[in-house]
Amino acid sequence: MDKQTQLEIEAAAWRKTLEHFQKRTDVQNIDLMNMAGFCRNCLSKWYMGEAKERGEDIDYDQAREVVYGMPYDEFKDKFQEKASEEQMAAFNSIEWGKDTTE
């Protein structure tokens, strides 16, 4: 596979991943963190970091809007639920590596 085709496939997979997360608003970030070690906010930070490495001026809120498909505060108001004690206990029991938030 040539590099351009690989890049196009990866970009398409990224867009499908975002579409999936934007449709599955029932899946809470705390559950993603507990099960997969990353969430929508992590994706936003990674997106912002990669953009900045390429000289693009994008802030965290702009990156979150790309990932969430709407402003973060709007997503929180519409879809985010308060984490349960069980969810927080699971989250706090995990030894987080540096790679989960960068």
PDB file of N, CA and C in Angstrom:
ATOM      1  N   MET A   1       0.848  -1.174   0.000  1.00  0.00           N
ATOM      2  CA  MET A   1       0.000   0.000   0.000  1.00  0.00           C
ATOM      3  C   MET A   1       0.896   1.241   0.000  1.00  0.00           C
ATOM      4  N   ASP A   2       0.558   2.203  -0.837  1.00  0.00           N
ATOM      5  CA  ASP A   2       1.372   3.417  -0.862  1.00  0.00           C
ATOM      6  C   ASP A   2       0.975   4.333   0.303  1.00  0.00           C
ATOM      7  N   LYS A   3       1.842   5.277   0.619  1.00  0.00           N
ATOM      8  CA  LYS A   3       1.653   6.153   1.786  1.00  0.00           C
ATOM      9  C   LYS A   3       0.387   7.009   1.678  1.00  0.00           C
ATOM     10  N   GLN A   4       0.076   7.505   0.490  1.00  0.00           N
ATOM     11  CA  GLN A   4      -1.115   8.341   0.325  1.00  0.00           C
ATOM     12  C   GLN A   4      -2.386   7.533   0.579  1.00  0.00           C
ATOM     13  N   THR A   5      -2.443   6.321   0.064  1.00  0.00           N
ATOM     14  CA  THR A   5      -3.606   5.463   0.305  1.00  0.00           C
ATOM     15  C   THR A   5      -3.735   5.154   1.783  1.00  0.00           C
ATOM     16  N   GLN A   6      -2.613   4.853   2.433  1.00  0.00           N
ATOM     17  CA  GLN A   6      -2.629   4.584   3.867  1.00  0.00           C
ATOM     18  C   GLN A   6      -3.156   5.794   4.633  1.00  0.00           C
ATOM     19  N   LEU A   7      -2.680   6.976   4.281  1.00  0.00           N
ATOM     20  CA  LEU A   7      -3.128   8.203   4.923  1.00  0.00           C
ATOM     21  C   LEU A   7      -4.632   8.406   4.739  1.00  0.00           C
ATOM     22  N   GLU A   8      -5.132   8.164   3.543  1.00  0.00           N
ATOM     23  CA  GLU A   8      -6.555   8.318   3.262  1.00  0.00           C
ATOM     24  C   GLU A   8      -7.395   7.316   4.057  1.00  0.00           C
ATOM     25  N   ILE A   9      -6.926   6.097   4.152  1.00  0.00           N
ATOM     26  CA  ILE A   9      -7.636   5.067   4.921  1.00  0.00           C
ATOM     27  C   ILE A   9      -7.656   5.434   6.400  1.00  0.00           C
ATOM     28  N   GLU A  10      -6.517   5.863   6.919  1.00  0.00           N
ATOM     29  CA  GLU A  10      -6.447   6.261   8.329  1.00  0.00           C
ATOM     30  C   GLU A  10      -7.361   7.447   8.611  1.00  0.00           C
ATOM     31  N   ALA A  11      -7.385   8.425   7.698  1.00  0.00           N
ATOM     32  CA  ALA A  11      -8.257   9.590   7.871  1.00  0.00           C
ATOM     33  C   ALA A  11      -9.725   9.171   7.851  1.00  0.00           C
ATOM     34  N   ALA A  12     -10.079   8.269   6.955  1.00  0.00           N
ATOM     35  CA  ALA A  12     -11.459   7.791   6.881  1.00  0.00           C
ATOM     36  C   ALA A  12     -11.836   7.031   8.156  1.00  0.00           C
ATOM     37  N   ALA A  13     -10.927   6.227   8.669  1.00  0.00           N
ATOM     38  CA  ALA A  13     -11.190   5.488   9.915  1.00  0.00           C
ATOM     39  C   ALA A  13     -11.359   6.463  11.087  1.00  0.00           C
ATOM     40  N   TRP A  14     -10.559   7.516  11.135  1.00  0.00           N
ATOM     41  CA  TRP A  14     -10.679   8.546  12.167  1.00  0.00           C
ATOM     42  C   TRP A  14     -12.068   9.193  12.098  1.00  0.00           C
ATOM     43  N   ARG A  15     -12.505   9.560  10.878  1.00  0.00           N
ATOM     44  CA  ARG A  15     -13.819  10.179  10.732  1.00  0.00           C
ATOM     45  C   ARG A  15     -14.933   9.240  11.177  1.00  0.00           C
ATOM     46  N   LYS A  16     -14.813   7.967  10.844  1.00  0.00           N
ATOM     47  CA  LYS A  16     -15.819   6.988  11.279  1.00  0.00           C
ATOM     48  C   LYS A  16     -15.811   6.837  12.796  1.00  0.00           C
ATOM     49  N   THR A  17     -14.635   6.873  13.395  1.00  0.00           N
ATOM     50  CA  THR A  17     -14.524   6.792  14.862  1.00  0.00           C
ATOM     51  C   THR A  17     -15.238   7.978  15.498  1.00  0.00           C
ATOM     52  N   LEU A  18     -14.992   9.181  14.984  1.00  0.00           N
ATOM     53  CA  LEU A  18     -15.666  10.366  15.513  1.00  0.00           C
ATOM     54  C   LEU A  18     -17.174  10.265  15.329  1.00  0.00           C
ATOM     55  N   GLU A  19     -17.622   9.848  14.157  1.00  0.00           N
ATOM     56  CA  GLU A  19     -19.059   9.689  13.909  1.00  0.00           C
ATOM     57  C   GLU A  19     -19.672   8.723  14.915  1.00  0.00           C
ATOM     58  N   HIS A  20     -18.976   7.642  15.171  1.00  0.00           N
ATOM     59  CA  HIS A  20     -19.467   6.636  16.120  1.00  0.00           C
ATOM     60  C   HIS A  20     -19.600   7.234  17.517  1.00  0.00           C
ATOM     61  N   PHE A  21     -18.554   7.910  17.990  1.00  0.00           N
ATOM     62  CA  PHE A  21     -18.610   8.523  19.318  1.00  0.00           C
ATOM     63  C   PHE A  21     -19.681   9.614  19.386  1.00  0.00           C
ATOM     64  N   GLN A  22     -19.890  10.340  18.303  1.00  0.00           N
ATOM     65  CA  GLN A  22     -20.902  11.402  18.300  1.00  0.00           C
ATOM     66  C   GLN A  22     -22.311  10.827  18.318  1.00  0.00           C
ATOM     67  N   LYS A  23     -22.506   9.668  17.723  1.00  0.00           N
ATOM     68  CA  LYS A  23     -23.822   9.012  17.742  1.00  0.00           C
ATOM     69  C   LYS A  23     -24.080   8.316  19.076  1.00  0.00           C
ATOM     70  N   ARG A  24     -23.034   7.784  19.674  1.00  0.00           N
ATOM     71  CA  ARG A  24     -23.185   7.016  20.921  1.00  0.00           C
ATOM     72  C   ARG A  24     -23.022   7.919  22.141  1.00  0.00           C
ATOM     73  N   THR A  25     -23.907   8.910  22.223  1.00  0.00           N
ATOM     74  CA  THR A  25     -23.863   9.840  23.349  1.00  0.00           C
ATOM     75  C   THR A  25     -24.250   9.169  24.662  1.00  0.00           C
ATOM     76  N   ASP A  26     -24.833   7.979  24.574  1.00  0.00           N
ATOM     77  CA  ASP A  26     -25.174   7.227  25.777  1.00  0.00           C
ATOM     78  C   ASP A  26     -23.933   6.664  26.464  1.00  0.00           C
ATOM     79  N   VAL A  27     -22.850   6.549  25.729  1.00  0.00           N
ATOM     80  CA  VAL A  27     -21.612   6.030  26.306  1.00  0.00           C
ATOM     81  C   VAL A  27     -20.898   7.187  26.994  1.00  0.00           C
ATOM     82  N   GLN A  28     -20.763   7.072  28.291  1.00  0.00           N
ATOM     83  CA  GLN A  28     -20.169   8.135  29.086  1.00  0.00           C
ATOM     84  C   GLN A  28     -18.639   8.070  29.041  1.00  0.00           C
ATOM     85  N   ASN A  29     -18.012   9.227  29.140  1.00  0.00           N
ATOM     86  CA  ASN A  29     -16.551   9.281  29.140  1.00  0.00           C
ATOM     87  C   ASN A  29     -15.942   8.459  30.276  1.00  0.00           C
ATOM     88  N   ILE A  30     -16.575   8.479  31.436  1.00  0.00           N
ATOM     89  CA  ILE A  30     -16.044   7.718  32.577  1.00  0.00           C
ATOM     90  C   ILE A  30     -16.012   6.228  32.244  1.00  0.00           C
ATOM     91  N   ASP A  31     -17.014   5.740  31.524  1.00  0.00           N
ATOM     92  CA  ASP A  31     -17.035   4.331  31.134  1.00  0.00           C
ATOM     93  C   ASP A  31     -15.941   4.039  30.117  1.00  0.00           C
ATOM     94  N   LEU A  32     -15.750   4.960  29.167  1.00  0.00           N
ATOM     95  CA  LEU A  32     -14.656   4.792  28.203  1.00  0.00           C
ATOM     96  C   LEU A  32     -13.316   4.739  28.916  1.00  0.00           C
ATOM     97  N   MET A  33     -13.114   5.646  29.861  1.00  0.00           N
ATOM     98  CA  MET A  33     -11.847   5.669  30.601  1.00  0.00           C
ATOM     99  C   MET A  33     -11.653   4.366  31.382  1.00  0.00           C
ATOM    100  N   ASN A  34     -12.698   3.926  32.041  1.00  0.00           N
ATOM    101  CA  ASN A  34     -12.594   2.713  32.857  1.00  0.00           C
ATOM    102  C   ASN A  34     -12.358   1.467  32.013  1.00  0.00           C
ATOM    103  N   MET A  35     -12.934   1.420  30.830  1.00  0.00           N
ATOM    104  CA  MET A  35     -12.825   0.218  30.013  1.00  0.00           C
ATOM    105  C   MET A  35     -11.675   0.264  29.013  1.00  0.00           C
ATOM    106  N   ALA A  36     -11.421   1.437  28.443  1.00  0.00           N
ATOM    107  CA  ALA A  36     -10.443   1.520  27.355  1.00  0.00           C
ATOM    108  C   ALA A  36      -9.215   2.361  27.693  1.00  0.00           C
ATOM    109  N   GLY A  37      -9.289   3.133  28.762  1.00  0.00           N
ATOM    110  CA  GLY A  37      -8.148   3.954  29.144  1.00  0.00           C
ATOM    111  C   GLY A  37      -8.038   5.255  28.370  1.00  0.00           C
ATOM    112  N   PHE A  38      -9.072   5.605  27.613  1.00  0.00           N
ATOM    113  CA  PHE A  38      -9.128   6.897  26.929  1.00  0.00           C
ATOM    114  C   PHE A  38     -10.583   7.270  26.728  1.00  0.00           C
ATOM    115  N   CYS A  39     -10.811   8.556  26.460  1.00  0.00           N
ATOM    116  CA  CYS A  39     -12.171   9.023  26.235  1.00  0.00           C
ATOM    117  C   CYS A  39     -12.161  10.117  25.175  1.00  0.00           C
ATOM    118  N   ARG A  40     -13.293  10.743  24.996  1.00  0.00           N
ATOM    119  CA  ARG A  40     -13.404  11.809  24.000  1.00  0.00           C
ATOM    120  C   ARG A  40     -12.438  12.959  24.300  1.00  0.00           C
ATOM    121  N   ASN A  41     -12.250  13.255  25.581  1.00  0.00           N
ATOM    122  CA  ASN A  41     -11.317  14.329  25.944  1.00  0.00           C
ATOM    123  C   ASN A  41      -9.887  13.952  25.582  1.00  0.00           C
ATOM    124  N   CYS A  42      -9.528  12.705  25.756  1.00  0.00           N
ATOM    125  CA  CYS A  42      -8.195  12.247  25.350  1.00  0.00           C
ATOM    126  C   CYS A  42      -8.020  12.416  23.846  1.00  0.00           C
ATOM    127  N   LEU A  43      -9.022  11.996  23.074  1.00  0.00           N
ATOM    128  CA  LEU A  43      -8.964  12.169  21.621  1.00  0.00           C
ATOM    129  C   LEU A  43      -8.779  13.640  21.271  1.00  0.00           C
ATOM    130  N   SER A  44      -9.467  14.510  21.996  1.00  0.00           N
ATOM    131  CA  SER A  44      -9.349  15.951  21.750  1.00  0.00           C
ATOM    132  C   SER A  44      -7.934  16.443  22.024  1.00  0.00           C
ATOM    133  N   LYS A  45      -7.347  15.973  23.110  1.00  0.00           N
ATOM    134  CA  LYS A  45      -5.970  16.374  23.443  1.00  0.00           C
ATOM    135  C   LYS A  45      -4.986  15.854  22.405  1.00  0.00           C
ATOM    136  N   TRP A  46      -5.186  14.633  21.945  1.00  0.00           N
ATOM    137  CA  TRP A  46      -4.304  14.073  20.917  1.00  0.00           C
ATOM    138  C   TRP A  46      -4.439  14.852  19.623  1.00  0.00           C
ATOM    139  N   TYR A  47      -5.666  15.192  19.262  1.00  0.00           N
ATOM    140  CA  TYR A  47      -5.921  15.962  18.043  1.00  0.00           C
ATOM    141  C   TYR A  47      -5.233  17.326  18.136  1.00  0.00           C
ATOM    142  N   MET A  48      -5.426  17.999  19.256  1.00  0.00           N
ATOM    143  CA  MET A  48      -4.822  19.308  19.458  1.00  0.00           C
ATOM    144  C   MET A  48      -3.296  19.212  19.399  1.00  0.00           C
ATOM    145  N   GLY A  49      -2.727  18.209  20.043  1.00  0.00           N
ATOM    146  CA  GLY A  49      -1.284  18.032  20.043  1.00  0.00           C
ATOM    147  C   GLY A  49      -0.716  17.807  18.654  1.00  0.00           C
ATOM    148  N   GLU A  50      -1.378  16.974  17.877  1.00  0.00           N
ATOM    149  CA  GLU A  50      -0.920  16.708  16.511  1.00  0.00           C
ATOM    150  C   GLU A  50      -1.054  17.947  15.634  1.00  0.00           C
ATOM    151  N   ALA A  51      -2.134  18.702  15.828  1.00  0.00           N
ATOM    152  CA  ALA A  51      -2.312  19.935  15.056  1.00  0.00           C
ATOM    153  C   ALA A  51      -1.195  20.927  15.384  1.00  0.00           C
ATOM    154  N   LYS A  52      -0.900  21.070  16.666  1.00  0.00           N
ATOM    155  CA  LYS A  52       0.145  22.014  17.080  1.00  0.00           C
ATOM    156  C   LYS A  52       1.512  21.600  16.558  1.00  0.00           C
ATOM    157  N   GLU A  53       1.781  20.294  16.526  1.00  0.00           N
ATOM    158  CA  GLU A  53       3.059  19.809  15.978  1.00  0.00           C
ATOM    159  C   GLU A  53       3.219  20.188  14.515  1.00  0.00           C
ATOM    160  N   ARG A  54       2.096  20.382  13.847  1.00  0.00           N
ATOM    161  CA  ARG A  54       2.122  20.735  12.425  1.00  0.00           C
ATOM    162  C   ARG A  54       1.926  22.234  12.200  1.00  0.00           C
ATOM    163  N   GLY A  55       2.049  23.006  13.295  1.00  0.00           N
ATOM    164  CA  GLY A  55       1.982  24.453  13.196  1.00  0.00           C
ATOM    165  C   GLY A  55       0.584  25.036  13.134  1.00  0.00           C
ATOM    166  N   GLU A  56      -0.423  24.241  13.425  1.00  0.00           N
ATOM    167  CA  GLU A  56      -1.805  24.728  13.409  1.00  0.00           C
ATOM    168  C   GLU A  56      -2.162  25.298  14.776  1.00  0.00           C
ATOM    169  N   ASP A  57      -2.802  26.447  14.781  1.00  0.00           N
ATOM    170  CA  ASP A  57      -3.187  27.110  16.020  1.00  0.00           C
ATOM    171  C   ASP A  57      -4.597  26.667  16.407  1.00  0.00           C
ATOM    172  N   ILE A  58      -4.679  25.673  17.268  1.00  0.00           N
ATOM    173  CA  ILE A  58      -5.969  25.147  17.711  1.00  0.00           C
ATOM    174  C   ILE A  58      -5.896  24.967  19.218  1.00  0.00           C
ATOM    175  N   ASP A  59      -6.954  25.377  19.901  1.00  0.00           N
ATOM    176  CA  ASP A  59      -6.965  25.210  21.348  1.00  0.00           C
ATOM    177  C   ASP A  59      -7.815  23.994  21.733  1.00  0.00           C
ATOM    178  N   TYR A  60      -7.812  23.697  23.019  1.00  0.00           N
ATOM    179  CA  TYR A  60      -8.499  22.515  23.530  1.00  0.00           C
ATOM    180  C   TYR A  60     -10.004  22.561  23.234  1.00  0.00           C
ATOM    181  N   ASP A  61     -10.620  23.720  23.420  1.00  0.00           N
ATOM    182  CA  ASP A  61     -12.057  23.820  23.146  1.00  0.00           C
ATOM    183  C   ASP A  61     -12.371  23.565  21.681  1.00  0.00           C
ATOM    184  N   GLN A  62     -11.533  24.073  20.789  1.00  0.00           N
ATOM    185  CA  GLN A  62     -11.739  23.827  19.358  1.00  0.00           C
ATOM    186  C   GLN A  62     -11.561  22.341  19.040  1.00  0.00           C
ATOM    187  N   ALA A  63     -10.576  21.724  19.642  1.00  0.00           N
ATOM    188  CA  ALA A  63     -10.340  20.296  19.416  1.00  0.00           C
ATOM    189  C   ALA A  63     -11.509  19.473  19.953  1.00  0.00           C
ATOM    190  N   ARG A  64     -12.027  19.845  21.112  1.00  0.00           N
ATOM    191  CA  ARG A  64     -13.167  19.110  21.661  1.00  0.00           C
ATOM    192  C   ARG A  64     -14.395  19.256  20.772  1.00  0.00           C
ATOM    193  N   GLU A  65     -14.575  20.420  20.156  1.00  0.00           N
ATOM    194  CA  GLU A  65     -15.716  20.586  19.261  1.00  0.00           C
ATOM    195  C   GLU A  65     -15.591  19.671  18.044  1.00  0.00           C
ATOM    196  N   VAL A  66     -14.370  19.456  17.560  1.00  0.00           N
ATOM    197  CA  VAL A  66     -14.148  18.517  16.454  1.00  0.00           C
ATOM    198  C   VAL A  66     -14.560  17.114  16.889  1.00  0.00           C
ATOM    199  N   VAL A  67     -14.135  16.705  18.066  1.00  0.00           N
ATOM    200  CA  VAL A  67     -14.387  15.341  18.545  1.00  0.00           C
ATOM    201  C   VAL A  67     -15.850  15.149  18.951  1.00  0.00           C
ATOM    202  N   TYR A  68     -16.400  16.091  19.699  1.00  0.00           N
ATOM    203  CA  TYR A  68     -17.765  15.959  20.196  1.00  0.00           C
ATOM    204  C   TYR A  68     -18.822  16.285  19.140  1.00  0.00           C
ATOM    205  N   GLY A  69     -18.426  17.028  18.103  1.00  0.00           N
ATOM    206  CA  GLY A  69     -19.385  17.428  17.079  1.00  0.00           C
ATOM    207  C   GLY A  69     -20.252  18.595  17.505  1.00  0.00           C
ATOM    208  N   MET A  70     -19.900  19.213  18.616  1.00  0.00           N
ATOM    209  CA  MET A  70     -20.629  20.365  19.162  1.00  0.00           C
ATOM    210  C   MET A  70     -19.752  20.944  20.269  1.00  0.00           C
ATOM    211  N   PRO A  71     -20.045  22.143  20.730  1.00  0.00           N
ATOM    212  CA  PRO A  71     -19.281  22.667  21.869  1.00  0.00           C
ATOM    213  C   PRO A  71     -19.396  21.727  23.077  1.00  0.00           C
ATOM    214  N   TYR A  72     -18.311  21.598  23.806  1.00  0.00           N
ATOM    215  CA  TYR A  72     -18.266  20.667  24.934  1.00  0.00           C
ATOM    216  C   TYR A  72     -19.357  20.963  25.960  1.00  0.00           C
ATOM    217  N   ASP A  73     -19.574  22.235  26.293  1.00  0.00           N
ATOM    218  CA  ASP A  73     -20.602  22.573  27.280  1.00  0.00           C
ATOM    219  C   ASP A  73     -21.984  22.125  26.836  1.00  0.00           C
ATOM    220  N   GLU A  74     -22.255  22.215  25.544  1.00  0.00           N
ATOM    221  CA  GLU A  74     -23.531  21.742  25.007  1.00  0.00           C
ATOM    222  C   GLU A  74     -23.643  20.228  25.162  1.00  0.00           C
ATOM    223  N   PHE A  75     -22.567  19.502  24.850  1.00  0.00           N
ATOM    224  CA  PHE A  75     -22.570  18.049  25.019  1.00  0.00           C
ATOM    225  C   PHE A  75     -22.827  17.689  26.486  1.00  0.00           C
ATOM    226  N   LYS A  76     -22.107  18.360  27.388  1.00  0.00           N
ATOM    227  CA  LYS A  76     -22.279  18.075  28.817  1.00  0.00           C
ATOM    228  C   LYS A  76     -23.723  18.282  29.248  1.00  0.00           C
ATOM    229  N   ASP A  77     -24.306  19.411  28.839  1.00  0.00           N
ATOM    230  CA  ASP A  77     -25.689  19.705  29.226  1.00  0.00           C
ATOM    231  C   ASP A  77     -26.678  18.681  28.683  1.00  0.00           C
ATOM    232  N   LYS A  78     -26.459  18.218  27.468  1.00  0.00           N
ATOM    233  CA  LYS A  78     -27.395  17.297  26.827  1.00  0.00           C
ATOM    234  C   LYS A  78     -27.205  15.838  27.231  1.00  0.00           C
ATOM    235  N   PHE A  79     -25.938  15.427  27.405  1.00  0.00           N
ATOM    236  CA  PHE A  79     -25.681  13.984  27.457  1.00  0.00           C
ATOM    237  C   PHE A  79     -24.884  13.476  28.663  1.00  0.00           C
ATOM    238  N   GLN A  80     -24.109  14.322  29.300  1.00  0.00           N
ATOM    239  CA  GLN A  80     -23.244  13.817  30.363  1.00  0.00           C
ATOM    240  C   GLN A  80     -24.022  13.617  31.653  1.00  0.00           C
ATOM    241  N   GLU A  81     -23.845  12.457  32.227  1.00  0.00           N
ATOM    242  CA  GLU A  81     -24.496  12.125  33.492  1.00  0.00           C
ATOM    243  C   GLU A  81     -23.454  12.176  34.612  1.00  0.00           C
ATOM    244  N   LYS A  82     -23.928  12.376  35.812  1.00  0.00           N
ATOM    245  CA  LYS A  82     -23.026  12.365  36.961  1.00  0.00           C
ATOM    246  C   LYS A  82     -22.508  10.943  37.149  1.00  0.00           C
ATOM    247  N   ALA A  83     -21.212  10.832  37.349  1.00  0.00           N
ATOM    248  CA  ALA A  83     -20.606   9.507  37.540  1.00  0.00           C
ATOM    249  C   ALA A  83     -21.091   8.901  38.853  1.00  0.00           C
ATOM    250  N   SER A  84     -21.366   7.608  38.802  1.00  0.00           N
ATOM    251  CA  SER A  84     -21.804   6.903  40.005  1.00  0.00           C
ATOM    252  C   SER A  84     -20.602   6.632  40.916  1.00  0.00           C
ATOM    253  N   GLU A  85     -20.893   6.251  42.135  1.00  0.00           N
ATOM    254  CA  GLU A  85     -19.828   5.887  43.070  1.00  0.00           C
ATOM    255  C   GLU A  85     -19.020   4.718  42.526  1.00  0.00           C
ATOM    256  N   GLU A  86     -19.693   3.758  41.897  1.00  0.00           N
ATOM    257  CA  GLU A  86     -19.019   2.596  41.337  1.00  0.00           C
ATOM    258  C   GLU A  86     -18.092   3.001  40.190  1.00  0.00           C
ATOM    259  N   GLN A  87     -18.561   3.883  39.332  1.00  0.00           N
ATOM    260  CA  GLN A  87     -17.729   4.361  38.219  1.00  0.00           C
ATOM    261  C   GLN A  87     -16.500   5.092  38.736  1.00  0.00           C
ATOM    262  N   MET A  88     -16.696   5.941  39.728  1.00  0.00           N
ATOM    263  CA  MET A  88     -15.572   6.690  40.286  1.00  0.00           C
ATOM    264  C   MET A  88     -14.593   5.763  41.010  1.00  0.00           C
ATOM    265  N   ALA A  89     -15.099   4.764  41.706  1.00  0.00           N
ATOM    266  CA  ALA A  89     -14.222   3.813  42.392  1.00  0.00           C
ATOM    267  C   ALA A  89     -13.370   3.060  41.373  1.00  0.00           C
ATOM    268  N   ALA A  90     -13.986   2.635  40.279  1.00  0.00           N
ATOM    269  CA  ALA A  90     -13.235   1.942  39.222  1.00  0.00           C
ATOM    270  C   ALA A  90     -12.184   2.882  38.627  1.00  0.00           C
ATOM    271  N   PHE A  91     -12.561   4.119  38.362  1.00  0.00           N
ATOM    272  CA  PHE A  91     -11.638   5.104  37.793  1.00  0.00           C
ATOM    273  C   PHE A  91     -10.456   5.340  38.736  1.00  0.00           C
ATOM    274  N   ASN A  92     -10.743   5.497  40.006  1.00  0.00           N
ATOM    275  CA  ASN A  92      -9.692   5.793  40.988  1.00  0.00           C
ATOM    276  C   ASN A  92      -8.801   4.592  41.296  1.00  0.00           C
ATOM    277  N   SER A  93      -9.241   3.398  40.923  1.00  0.00           N
ATOM    278  CA  SER A  93      -8.432   2.203  41.182  1.00  0.00           C
ATOM    279  C   SER A  93      -7.407   1.935  40.081  1.00  0.00           C
ATOM    280  N   ILE A  94      -7.531   2.649  38.974  1.00  0.00           N
ATOM    281  CA  ILE A  94      -6.637   2.438  37.837  1.00  0.00           C
ATOM    282  C   ILE A  94      -5.367   3.237  38.010  1.00  0.00           C
ATOM    283  N   GLU A  95      -4.224   2.603  37.731  1.00  0.00           N
ATOM    284  CA  GLU A  95      -2.968   3.326  37.727  1.00  0.00           C
ATOM    285  C   GLU A  95      -2.769   3.874  36.328  1.00  0.00           C
ATOM    286  N   TRP A  96      -3.003   5.170  36.176  1.00  0.00           N
ATOM    287  CA  TRP A  96      -2.976   5.794  34.866  1.00  0.00           C
ATOM    288  C   TRP A  96      -1.556   6.021  34.409  1.00  0.00           C
ATOM    289  N   GLY A  97      -1.277   5.593  33.189  1.00  0.00           N
ATOM    290  CA  GLY A  97       0.004   5.860  32.558  1.00  0.00           C
ATOM    291  C   GLY A  97      -0.044   7.204  31.874  1.00  0.00           C
ATOM    292  N   LYS A  98       1.107   7.759  31.636  1.00  0.00           N
ATOM    293  CA  LYS A  98       1.193   9.066  31.012  1.00  0.00           C
ATOM    294  C   LYS A  98       0.542   9.087  29.629  1.00  0.00           C
ATOM    295  N   ASP A  99       0.552   7.956  28.926  1.00  0.00           N
ATOM    296  CA  ASP A  99       0.053   7.917  27.552  1.00  0.00           C
ATOM    297  C   ASP A  99      -1.459   8.043  27.439  1.00  0.00           C
ATOM    298  N   THR A 100      -2.216   7.926  28.523  1.00  0.00           N
ATOM    299  CA  THR A 100      -3.675   7.982  28.419  1.00  0.00           C
ATOM    300  C   THR A 100      -4.207   9.392  28.275  1.00  0.00           C
ATOM    301  N   THR A 101      -3.424  10.409  28.615  1.00  0.00           N
ATOM    302  CA  THR A 101      -3.944  11.768  28.576  1.00  0.00           C
ATOM    303  C   THR A 101      -3.155  12.688  27.646  1.00  0.00           C
ATOM    304  N   GLU A 102      -2.190  12.169  26.944  1.00  0.00           N
ATOM    305  CA  GLU A 102      -1.403  13.025  26.044  1.00  0.00           C
ATOM    306  C   GLU A 102      -1.806  12.797  24.610  1.00  0.00           C
TER     307      GLU A 102
END
